[in-house]
Amino acid sequence: MSSEKEVTMTTQTEVQGLGEFARFGFTLVYPDDHVVELHHDGEFVARLSHLGATPQSLQEECARHLENH
């Protein structure tokens, strides 16, 4: 069992932050109280601080990921 607490959830806040990208398999993972990770279909995409994770920054990371895949 991992000692690192990792929570994955889809909440209204997450859907608002990810916008339409939430419908395309993007999720947020909260490995600790300071970091949020963006995942796409279970694949790690980006790591941001909670302070830097705005809806705009999250959606930009989603768009960048889709452009590169």
PDB file of N, CA and C in Angstrom:
ATOM      1  N   MET A   1       0.835  -1.178   0.000  1.00  0.00           N
ATOM      2  CA  MET A   1       0.000   0.000   0.000  1.00  0.00           C
ATOM      3  C   MET A   1       0.883   1.245   0.000  1.00  0.00           C
ATOM      4  N   SER A   2       0.593   2.190  -0.868  1.00  0.00           N
ATOM      5  CA  SER A   2       1.387   3.409  -0.990  1.00  0.00           C
ATOM      6  C   SER A   2       1.144   4.334   0.185  1.00  0.00           C
ATOM      7  N   SER A   3       2.211   4.978   0.633  1.00  0.00           N
ATOM      8  CA  SER A   3       2.070   5.935   1.722  1.00  0.00           C
ATOM      9  C   SER A   3       1.591   7.282   1.196  1.00  0.00           C
ATOM     10  N   GLU A   4       1.665   7.497  -0.109  1.00  0.00           N
ATOM     11  CA  GLU A   4       1.217   8.744  -0.703  1.00  0.00           C
ATOM     12  C   GLU A   4      -0.291   8.707  -0.893  1.00  0.00           C
ATOM     13  N   LYS A   5      -0.945   9.696  -0.351  1.00  0.00           N
ATOM     14  CA  LYS A   5      -2.397   9.795  -0.496  1.00  0.00           C
ATOM     15  C   LYS A   5      -2.699  10.371  -1.872  1.00  0.00           C
ATOM     16  N   GLU A   6      -3.501   9.679  -2.639  1.00  0.00           N
ATOM     17  CA  GLU A   6      -3.853  10.155  -3.961  1.00  0.00           C
ATOM     18  C   GLU A   6      -5.360  10.043  -4.129  1.00  0.00           C
ATOM     19  N   VAL A   7      -5.986  11.145  -4.436  1.00  0.00           N
ATOM     20  CA  VAL A   7      -7.429  11.176  -4.572  1.00  0.00           C
ATOM     21  C   VAL A   7      -7.771  11.592  -5.990  1.00  0.00           C
ATOM     22  N   THR A   8      -8.608  10.819  -6.639  1.00  0.00           N
ATOM     23  CA  THR A   8      -9.103  11.158  -7.967  1.00  0.00           C
ATOM     24  C   THR A   8     -10.601  11.313  -7.861  1.00  0.00           C
ATOM     25  N   MET A   9     -11.108  12.433  -8.347  1.00  0.00           N
ATOM     26  CA  MET A   9     -12.542  12.623  -8.278  1.00  0.00           C
ATOM     27  C   MET A   9     -12.993  13.588  -9.363  1.00  0.00           C
ATOM     28  N   THR A  10     -14.236  13.451  -9.756  1.00  0.00           N
ATOM     29  CA  THR A  10     -14.845  14.386 -10.675  1.00  0.00           C
ATOM     30  C   THR A  10     -15.907  15.130  -9.897  1.00  0.00           C
ATOM     31  N   THR A  11     -15.682  16.398  -9.707  1.00  0.00           N
ATOM     32  CA  THR A  11     -16.611  17.221  -8.956  1.00  0.00           C
ATOM     33  C   THR A  11     -17.112  18.344  -9.854  1.00  0.00           C
ATOM     34  N   GLN A  12     -18.100  19.059  -9.380  1.00  0.00           N
ATOM     35  CA  GLN A  12     -18.596  20.208 -10.134  1.00  0.00           C
ATOM     36  C   GLN A  12     -17.473  21.221 -10.345  1.00  0.00           C
ATOM     37  N   THR A  13     -16.646  21.409  -9.329  1.00  0.00           N
ATOM     38  CA  THR A  13     -15.514  22.332  -9.440  1.00  0.00           C
ATOM     39  C   THR A  13     -14.555  21.871 -10.524  1.00  0.00           C
ATOM     40  N   GLU A  14     -14.305  20.566 -10.577  1.00  0.00           N
ATOM     41  CA  GLU A  14     -13.406  20.022 -11.596  1.00  0.00           C
ATOM     42  C   GLU A  14     -13.990  20.242 -12.987  1.00  0.00           C
ATOM     43  N   VAL A  15     -15.266  19.974 -13.144  1.00  0.00           N
ATOM     44  CA  VAL A  15     -15.909  20.160 -14.443  1.00  0.00           C
ATOM     45  C   VAL A  15     -15.843  21.626 -14.856  1.00  0.00           C
ATOM     46  N   GLN A  16     -16.043  22.533 -13.912  1.00  0.00           N
ATOM     47  CA  GLN A  16     -15.942  23.954 -14.231  1.00  0.00           C
ATOM     48  C   GLN A  16     -14.514  24.308 -14.617  1.00  0.00           C
ATOM     49  N   GLY A  17     -13.535  23.758 -13.918  1.00  0.00           N
ATOM     50  CA  GLY A  17     -12.138  24.055 -14.204  1.00  0.00           C
ATOM     51  C   GLY A  17     -11.684  23.502 -15.541  1.00  0.00           C
ATOM     52  N   LEU A  18     -12.129  22.302 -15.861  1.00  0.00           N
ATOM     53  CA  LEU A  18     -11.709  21.655 -17.105  1.00  0.00           C
ATOM     54  C   LEU A  18     -12.589  22.027 -18.288  1.00  0.00           C
ATOM     55  N   GLY A  19     -13.759  22.567 -18.016  1.00  0.00           N
ATOM     56  CA  GLY A  19     -14.682  22.932 -19.086  1.00  0.00           C
ATOM     57  C   GLY A  19     -15.062  21.712 -19.903  1.00  0.00           C
ATOM     58  N   GLU A  20     -15.144  21.889 -21.203  1.00  0.00           N
ATOM     59  CA  GLU A  20     -15.521  20.795 -22.109  1.00  0.00           C
ATOM     60  C   GLU A  20     -14.524  19.642 -22.080  1.00  0.00           C
ATOM     61  N   PHE A  21     -13.295  19.913 -21.661  1.00  0.00           N
ATOM     62  CA  PHE A  21     -12.279  18.859 -21.643  1.00  0.00           C
ATOM     63  C   PHE A  21     -12.629  17.745 -20.661  1.00  0.00           C
ATOM     64  N   ALA A  22     -13.446  18.032 -19.657  1.00  0.00           N
ATOM     65  CA  ALA A  22     -13.873  17.004 -18.700  1.00  0.00           C
ATOM     66  C   ALA A  22     -14.654  15.898 -19.412  1.00  0.00           C
ATOM     67  N   ARG A  23     -15.301  16.241 -20.489  1.00  0.00           N
ATOM     68  CA  ARG A  23     -16.087  15.252 -21.252  1.00  0.00           C
ATOM     69  C   ARG A  23     -15.217  14.380 -22.145  1.00  0.00           C
ATOM     70  N   PHE A  24     -13.950  14.715 -22.266  1.00  0.00           N
ATOM     71  CA  PHE A  24     -13.034  13.989 -23.156  1.00  0.00           C
ATOM     72  C   PHE A  24     -11.973  13.204 -22.397  1.00  0.00           C
ATOM     73  N   GLY A  25     -12.279  12.838 -21.155  1.00  0.00           N
ATOM     74  CA  GLY A  25     -11.392  11.956 -20.411  1.00  0.00           C
ATOM     75  C   GLY A  25     -10.343  12.635 -19.557  1.00  0.00           C
ATOM     76  N   PHE A  26     -10.402  13.954 -19.429  1.00  0.00           N
ATOM     77  CA  PHE A  26      -9.454  14.654 -18.569  1.00  0.00           C
ATOM     78  C   PHE A  26      -9.964  14.649 -17.135  1.00  0.00           C
ATOM     79  N   THR A  27      -9.073  14.382 -16.200  1.00  0.00           N
ATOM     80  CA  THR A  27      -9.408  14.382 -14.779  1.00  0.00           C
ATOM     81  C   THR A  27      -8.300  15.065 -14.003  1.00  0.00           C
ATOM     82  N   LEU A  28      -8.617  15.415 -12.767  1.00  0.00           N
ATOM     83  CA  LEU A  28      -7.635  16.006 -11.865  1.00  0.00           C
ATOM     84  C   LEU A  28      -7.346  15.032 -10.748  1.00  0.00           C
ATOM     85  N   VAL A  29      -6.083  14.911 -10.383  1.00  0.00           N
ATOM     86  CA  VAL A  29      -5.632  14.053  -9.291  1.00  0.00           C
ATOM     87  C   VAL A  29      -4.956  14.968  -8.272  1.00  0.00           C
ATOM     88  N   TYR A  30      -5.253  14.735  -7.003  1.00  0.00           N
ATOM     89  CA  TYR A  30      -4.726  15.570  -5.921  1.00  0.00           C
ATOM     90  C   TYR A  30      -3.802  14.724  -5.047  1.00  0.00           C
ATOM     91  N   PRO A  31      -2.509  14.615  -5.422  1.00  0.00           N
ATOM     92  CA  PRO A  31      -1.587  13.774  -4.651  1.00  0.00           C
ATOM     93  C   PRO A  31      -1.258  14.340  -3.268  1.00  0.00           C
ATOM     94  N   ASP A  32      -1.401  15.647  -3.097  1.00  0.00           N
ATOM     95  CA  ASP A  32      -1.202  16.255  -1.777  1.00  0.00           C
ATOM     96  C   ASP A  32      -1.947  17.586  -1.730  1.00  0.00           C
ATOM     97  N   ASP A  33      -1.761  18.330  -0.664  1.00  0.00           N
ATOM     98  CA  ASP A  33      -2.503  19.575  -0.471  1.00  0.00           C
ATOM     99  C   ASP A  33      -1.974  20.740  -1.297  1.00  0.00           C
ATOM    100  N   HIS A  34      -0.861  20.568  -1.990  1.00  0.00           N
ATOM    101  CA  HIS A  34      -0.236  21.675  -2.699  1.00  0.00           C
ATOM    102  C   HIS A  34      -0.197  21.507  -4.212  1.00  0.00           C
ATOM    103  N   VAL A  35      -0.477  20.307  -4.685  1.00  0.00           N
ATOM    104  CA  VAL A  35      -0.298  19.987  -6.104  1.00  0.00           C
ATOM    105  C   VAL A  35      -1.573  19.391  -6.678  1.00  0.00           C
ATOM    106  N   VAL A  36      -1.840  19.728  -7.922  1.00  0.00           N
ATOM    107  CA  VAL A  36      -2.909  19.091  -8.681  1.00  0.00           C
ATOM    108  C   VAL A  36      -2.279  18.567  -9.971  1.00  0.00           C
ATOM    109  N   GLU A  37      -2.629  17.344 -10.317  1.00  0.00           N
ATOM    110  CA  GLU A  37      -2.124  16.740 -11.553  1.00  0.00           C
ATOM    111  C   GLU A  37      -3.268  16.600 -12.538  1.00  0.00           C
ATOM    112  N   LEU A  38      -2.975  16.899 -13.785  1.00  0.00           N
ATOM    113  CA  LEU A  38      -3.923  16.728 -14.868  1.00  0.00           C
ATOM    114  C   LEU A  38      -3.632  15.396 -15.548  1.00  0.00           C
ATOM    115  N   HIS A  39      -4.665  14.584 -15.725  1.00  0.00           N
ATOM    116  CA  HIS A  39      -4.530  13.287 -16.385  1.00  0.00           C
ATOM    117  C   HIS A  39      -5.515  13.210 -17.546  1.00  0.00           C
ATOM    118  N   HIS A  40      -5.148  12.455 -18.570  1.00  0.00           N
ATOM    119  CA  HIS A  40      -6.036  12.199 -19.699  1.00  0.00           C
ATOM    120  C   HIS A  40      -6.119  10.693 -19.909  1.00  0.00           C
ATOM    121  N   ASP A  41      -7.310  10.161 -19.714  1.00  0.00           N
ATOM    122  CA  ASP A  41      -7.521   8.708 -19.813  1.00  0.00           C
ATOM    123  C   ASP A  41      -6.499   7.943 -18.985  1.00  0.00           C
ATOM    124  N   GLY A  42      -6.220   8.450 -17.782  1.00  0.00           N
ATOM    125  CA  GLY A  42      -5.306   7.792 -16.858  1.00  0.00           C
ATOM    126  C   GLY A  42      -3.842   8.120 -17.058  1.00  0.00           C
ATOM    127  N   GLU A  43      -3.504   8.833 -18.127  1.00  0.00           N
ATOM    128  CA  GLU A  43      -2.118   9.197 -18.431  1.00  0.00           C
ATOM    129  C   GLU A  43      -1.788  10.565 -17.829  1.00  0.00           C
ATOM    130  N   PHE A  44      -0.656  10.662 -17.143  1.00  0.00           N
ATOM    131  CA  PHE A  44      -0.206  11.930 -16.592  1.00  0.00           C
ATOM    132  C   PHE A  44       0.041  12.931 -17.712  1.00  0.00           C
ATOM    133  N   VAL A  45      -0.460  14.153 -17.531  1.00  0.00           N
ATOM    134  CA  VAL A  45      -0.273  15.212 -18.522  1.00  0.00           C
ATOM    135  C   VAL A  45       0.552  16.365 -17.961  1.00  0.00           C
ATOM    136  N   ALA A  46       0.173  16.855 -16.775  1.00  0.00           N
ATOM    137  CA  ALA A  46       0.850  18.021 -16.215  1.00  0.00           C
ATOM    138  C   ALA A  46       0.662  18.073 -14.710  1.00  0.00           C
ATOM    139  N   ARG A  47       1.584  18.756 -14.045  1.00  0.00           N
ATOM    140  CA  ARG A  47       1.505  18.971 -12.585  1.00  0.00           C
ATOM    141  C   ARG A  47       1.539  20.478 -12.358  1.00  0.00           C
ATOM    142  N   LEU A  48       0.565  20.982 -11.593  1.00  0.00           N
ATOM    143  CA  LEU A  48       0.480  22.401 -11.291  1.00  0.00           C
ATOM    144  C   LEU A  48       0.289  22.582  -9.800  1.00  0.00           C
ATOM    145  N   SER A  49       0.703  23.744  -9.307  1.00  0.00           N
ATOM    146  CA  SER A  49       0.411  24.060  -7.916  1.00  0.00           C
ATOM    147  C   SER A  49      -1.070  24.406  -7.822  1.00  0.00           C
ATOM    148  N   HIS A  50      -1.654  24.204  -6.651  1.00  0.00           N
ATOM    149  CA  HIS A  50      -3.049  24.578  -6.474  1.00  0.00           C
ATOM    150  C   HIS A  50      -3.244  26.061  -6.784  1.00  0.00           C
ATOM    151  N   LEU A  51      -2.269  26.881  -6.415  1.00  0.00           N
ATOM    152  CA  LEU A  51      -2.379  28.321  -6.651  1.00  0.00           C
ATOM    153  C   LEU A  51      -2.341  28.659  -8.139  1.00  0.00           C
ATOM    154  N   GLY A  52      -1.609  27.871  -8.930  1.00  0.00           N
ATOM    155  CA  GLY A  52      -1.481  28.144 -10.353  1.00  0.00           C
ATOM    156  C   GLY A  52      -2.503  27.440 -11.218  1.00  0.00           C
ATOM    157  N   ALA A  53      -3.303  26.588 -10.622  1.00  0.00           N
ATOM    158  CA  ALA A  53      -4.257  25.788 -11.391  1.00  0.00           C
ATOM    159  C   ALA A  53      -5.578  26.544 -11.555  1.00  0.00           C
ATOM    160  N   THR A  54      -5.607  27.438 -12.527  1.00  0.00           N
ATOM    161  CA  THR A  54      -6.823  28.175 -12.845  1.00  0.00           C
ATOM    162  C   THR A  54      -7.561  27.443 -13.963  1.00  0.00           C
ATOM    163  N   PRO A  55      -8.841  27.720 -14.137  1.00  0.00           N
ATOM    164  CA  PRO A  55      -9.533  27.093 -15.271  1.00  0.00           C
ATOM    165  C   PRO A  55      -8.802  27.337 -16.592  1.00  0.00           C
ATOM    166  N   GLN A  56      -8.304  28.546 -16.796  1.00  0.00           N
ATOM    167  CA  GLN A  56      -7.598  28.857 -18.036  1.00  0.00           C
ATOM    168  C   GLN A  56      -6.322  28.025 -18.179  1.00  0.00           C
ATOM    169  N   SER A  57      -5.527  27.923 -17.111  1.00  0.00           N
ATOM    170  CA  SER A  57      -4.272  27.162 -17.210  1.00  0.00           C
ATOM    171  C   SER A  57      -4.550  25.678 -17.409  1.00  0.00           C
ATOM    172  N   LEU A  58      -5.570  25.146 -16.756  1.00  0.00           N
ATOM    173  CA  LEU A  58      -5.919  23.734 -16.929  1.00  0.00           C
ATOM    174  C   LEU A  58      -6.368  23.456 -18.362  1.00  0.00           C
ATOM    175  N   GLN A  59      -7.218  24.323 -18.902  1.00  0.00           N
ATOM    176  CA  GLN A  59      -7.721  24.125 -20.262  1.00  0.00           C
ATOM    177  C   GLN A  59      -6.618  24.304 -21.302  1.00  0.00           C
ATOM    178  N   GLU A  60      -5.666  25.190 -21.035  1.00  0.00           N
ATOM    179  CA  GLU A  60      -4.520  25.334 -21.939  1.00  0.00           C
ATOM    180  C   GLU A  60      -3.682  24.070 -21.957  1.00  0.00           C
ATOM    181  N   GLU A  61      -3.494  23.450 -20.794  1.00  0.00           N
ATOM    182  CA  GLU A  61      -2.735  22.195 -20.733  1.00  0.00           C
ATOM    183  C   GLU A  61      -3.480  21.085 -21.468  1.00  0.00           C
ATOM    184  N   CYS A  62      -4.799  21.047 -21.325  1.00  0.00           N
ATOM    185  CA  CYS A  62      -5.610  20.040 -22.041  1.00  0.00           C
ATOM    186  C   CYS A  62      -5.446  20.220 -23.555  1.00  0.00           C
ATOM    187  N   ALA A  63      -5.580  21.441 -24.018  1.00  0.00           N
ATOM    188  CA  ALA A  63      -5.475  21.724 -25.464  1.00  0.00           C
ATOM    189  C   ALA A  63      -4.080  21.367 -25.976  1.00  0.00           C
ATOM    190  N   ARG A  64      -3.044  21.741 -25.220  1.00  0.00           N
ATOM    191  CA  ARG A  64      -1.665  21.432 -25.626  1.00  0.00           C
ATOM    192  C   ARG A  64      -1.472  19.926 -25.727  1.00  0.00           C
ATOM    193  N   HIS A  65      -2.025  19.183 -24.773  1.00  0.00           N
ATOM    194  CA  HIS A  65      -1.898  17.720 -24.792  1.00  0.00           C
ATOM    195  C   HIS A  65      -2.572  17.129 -26.032  1.00  0.00           C
ATOM    196  N   LEU A  66      -3.767  17.602 -26.349  1.00  0.00           N
ATOM    197  CA  LEU A  66      -4.473  17.063 -27.502  1.00  0.00           C
ATOM    198  C   LEU A  66      -3.763  17.415 -28.820  1.00  0.00           C
ATOM    199  N   GLU A  67      -3.157  18.571 -28.887  1.00  0.00           N
ATOM    200  CA  GLU A  67      -2.411  18.962 -30.083  1.00  0.00           C
ATOM    201  C   GLU A  67      -1.211  18.069 -30.320  1.00  0.00           C
ATOM    202  N   ASN A  68      -0.615  17.579 -29.242  1.00  0.00           N
ATOM    203  CA  ASN A  68       0.605  16.766 -29.350  1.00  0.00           C
ATOM    204  C   ASN A  68       0.325  15.270 -29.453  1.00  0.00           C
ATOM    205  N   HIS A  69      -0.925  14.881 -29.421  1.00  0.00           N
ATOM    206  CA  HIS A  69      -1.242  13.445 -29.508  1.00  0.00           C
ATOM    207  C   HIS A  69      -2.152  13.142 -30.654  1.00  0.00           C
TER     208      HIS A  69
END
